Protein backbone atom coordinates (compact mmCIF):
# COMPACT_ATOMS: atom_id res chain seq x y z
CA UNK A 1 -0.38 0.24 -0.23
CA UNK A 2 1.63 3.23 -0.93
CA UNK A 3 1.42 6.41 1.60
CA UNK A 4 -1.55 8.53 1.79
CA UNK A 5 -0.57 12.35 0.02
CA UNK A 6 1.48 14.22 2.54
CA UNK A 7 1.73 11.31 5.18
CA UNK A 8 5.09 10.61 6.43
CA UNK A 9 4.98 6.34 6.32
CA UNK A 10 3.51 4.50 4.49
CA UNK A 11 0.35 2.14 5.89
CA UNK A 12 3.32 -0.99 4.99
CA UNK A 13 6.08 0.57 6.96
CA UNK A 14 3.98 1.38 9.67
CA UNK A 15 2.54 -2.54 10.03
CA UNK A 16 6.30 -3.76 9.48
CA UNK A 17 7.42 -1.64 12.47
CA UNK A 18 4.46 -2.90 14.52
CA UNK A 19 5.06 -6.45 14.08
CA UNK A 20 8.69 -5.75 15.12
CA UNK A 21 8.06 -4.03 18.66
CA UNK A 22 5.13 -7.60 19.09
CA UNK A 23 8.35 -9.73 18.19
CA UNK A 24 10.96 -7.41 20.38
CA UNK A 25 8.11 -7.38 23.27
CA UNK A 26 7.86 -11.41 22.76
CA UNK A 27 11.15 -11.53 23.26
CA UNK A 28 11.70 -9.76 26.12
CA UNK A 29 8.67 -11.39 28.55
CA UNK A 30 9.88 -14.49 27.64
CA UNK A 31 7.00 -16.43 27.39
CA UNK A 32 5.65 -14.51 30.97
CA UNK A 33 1.68 -13.09 31.46
CA UNK A 34 1.37 -10.10 30.26
CA UNK A 35 -1.25 -7.56 31.31
CA UNK A 36 -1.55 -4.93 28.90
CA UNK A 37 -3.49 -1.61 30.23
CA UNK A 38 -4.57 0.64 26.72
CA UNK A 39 -5.24 4.02 26.83
CA UNK A 40 -8.87 4.06 25.62
CA UNK A 41 -8.42 7.94 24.19
CA UNK A 42 -5.33 7.19 21.91
CA UNK A 43 -3.96 3.60 22.22
CA UNK A 44 -6.92 1.38 21.65
CA UNK A 45 -6.31 0.77 17.66
CA UNK A 46 -2.11 0.52 17.69
CA UNK A 47 -2.85 -2.33 20.35
CA UNK A 48 -5.12 -4.05 18.33
CA UNK A 49 -2.86 -4.38 15.95
CA UNK A 50 0.52 -4.80 18.44
CA UNK A 51 -1.03 -7.57 20.18
CA UNK A 52 -1.76 -9.72 16.82
CA UNK A 53 2.02 -9.30 16.88
CA UNK A 54 3.06 -10.48 20.57
CA UNK A 55 3.31 -14.30 21.57
CA UNK A 56 2.76 -14.51 24.85
CA UNK A 57 -1.03 -14.73 27.44
CA UNK A 58 -2.25 -11.80 27.70
CA UNK A 59 -4.75 -10.06 29.61
CA UNK A 60 -6.19 -6.67 28.26
CA UNK A 61 -7.42 -3.81 31.08
CA UNK A 62 -8.53 -0.26 29.31
CA UNK A 63 -7.95 2.97 31.00
CA UNK A 64 -9.67 6.15 29.85
CA UNK A 65 -8.56 9.40 30.67
CA UNK A 66 -9.80 12.56 31.76
CA UNK A 67 -7.84 15.63 31.56
CA UNK A 68 -8.48 19.03 32.85
CA UNK A 69 -7.52 22.46 33.60
CA UNK A 70 -8.79 23.51 36.83
CA UNK A 71 -8.29 27.43 38.61
CA UNK A 72 -6.66 26.09 42.23
CA UNK A 73 -6.37 29.58 44.07
CA UNK A 74 -5.85 31.69 41.02
CA UNK A 75 -3.65 29.40 40.02
CA UNK A 76 -3.54 27.54 36.65
CA UNK A 77 -3.14 23.50 37.10
CA UNK A 78 -3.94 20.75 34.90
CA UNK A 79 -5.14 17.26 36.58
CA UNK A 80 -5.03 13.74 35.20
CA UNK A 81 -7.81 11.60 36.54
CA UNK A 82 -7.96 8.00 35.37
CA UNK A 83 -11.21 5.14 36.25
CA UNK A 84 -10.67 2.35 38.43
CA UNK A 85 -6.93 0.71 38.08
CA UNK A 86 -6.65 -3.18 37.75
CA UNK A 87 -5.27 -5.29 40.36
CA UNK A 88 -1.57 -5.98 38.94
CA UNK A 89 0.48 -6.71 42.40
CA UNK A 90 3.29 -8.98 41.26
CA UNK A 91 2.33 -9.05 37.42
CA UNK A 92 4.46 -7.56 34.50
CA UNK A 93 2.78 -4.71 32.85
CA UNK A 94 2.78 -3.33 29.71
CA UNK A 95 0.93 0.16 29.70
CA UNK A 96 0.33 0.81 25.68
CA UNK A 97 -0.10 4.58 24.38
CA UNK A 98 0.01 5.68 20.78
CA UNK A 99 1.45 9.00 21.52
CA UNK A 100 4.13 9.86 24.04
CA UNK A 101 4.21 13.77 23.80
CA UNK A 102 4.84 15.14 27.11
CA UNK A 103 4.86 12.41 28.97
CA UNK A 104 3.04 14.21 31.83
CA UNK A 105 -0.08 12.18 31.36
CA UNK A 106 1.96 8.69 31.28
CA UNK A 107 4.11 9.53 34.18
CA UNK A 108 0.80 9.81 36.15
CA UNK A 109 -0.64 6.67 34.75
CA UNK A 110 2.47 4.30 35.74
CA UNK A 111 2.93 6.01 39.11
CA UNK A 112 -0.72 5.33 39.62
CA UNK A 113 -0.46 1.54 38.39
CA UNK A 114 2.60 1.07 40.20
CA UNK A 115 1.29 1.70 43.62
CA UNK A 116 -0.55 -1.85 42.92
CA UNK A 117 3.35 -3.01 42.86
CA UNK A 118 3.46 -5.04 39.66
CA UNK A 119 6.73 -7.26 38.94
CA UNK A 120 7.55 -4.87 35.90
CA UNK A 121 6.08 -1.96 34.32
CA UNK A 122 7.07 -0.63 31.07
CA UNK A 123 5.63 1.78 28.16
CA UNK A 124 5.36 1.20 24.41
CA UNK A 125 4.10 4.11 22.55
CA UNK A 126 4.01 3.75 18.85
CA UNK A 127 5.07 7.91 18.52
CA UNK A 128 7.04 10.32 20.44
CA UNK A 129 8.10 13.62 20.18
CA UNK A 130 11.82 14.16 20.35
CA UNK A 131 11.40 16.94 23.30
CA UNK A 132 10.18 13.96 25.63
CA UNK A 133 13.81 12.50 25.77
CA UNK A 134 14.05 13.26 29.28
CA UNK A 135 11.87 10.42 30.07
CA UNK A 136 12.15 9.30 33.96
CA UNK A 137 10.75 5.51 33.45
CA UNK A 138 13.95 3.78 31.78
CA UNK A 139 13.19 1.68 29.36
CA UNK A 140 10.68 2.84 27.31
CA UNK A 141 9.82 0.85 23.52
CA UNK A 142 9.24 3.14 20.59
CA UNK A 143 7.87 2.93 17.03
CA UNK A 144 8.60 5.63 15.75
CA UNK A 145 10.64 9.13 17.02
CA UNK A 146 8.19 11.56 15.02
CA UNK A 147 6.22 14.79 16.69
CA UNK A 148 2.72 14.03 16.61
CA UNK A 149 0.73 12.66 13.80
CA UNK A 150 -2.48 10.66 13.90
CA UNK A 151 -2.45 6.86 13.78
CA UNK A 152 -5.39 4.88 12.99
């Protein structure tokens, strides 16, 4: 399939990279069960493509985020809220999100999920903004290093 006019990557190139990511994740999990936590608003299409290429037992959990700008005593503040979190104690967790822009939302989600004391927790993102290079969470699996574009 050829790239659409103005598209940076063709559908075939994206599909090939998603398949590579799935194989990489399969090798790294070593056959252990993965609990995938998928962000509903951005990550579900990417996750649907990705899980077809992961060769490991999986359980999928879906979270929806709610980001609000609030005024707190004259100070502008952004709140990030998520619905109920799954029980992940002792589990290997892979958070799947399509876009890592600033990392603020993902950082909040990873901290919240980490409260249930998973065995490991990682993030896979299809697209990342190069400005997010100061990511504090260590290893991250990335599809493409790009400025924000639409997937799906």
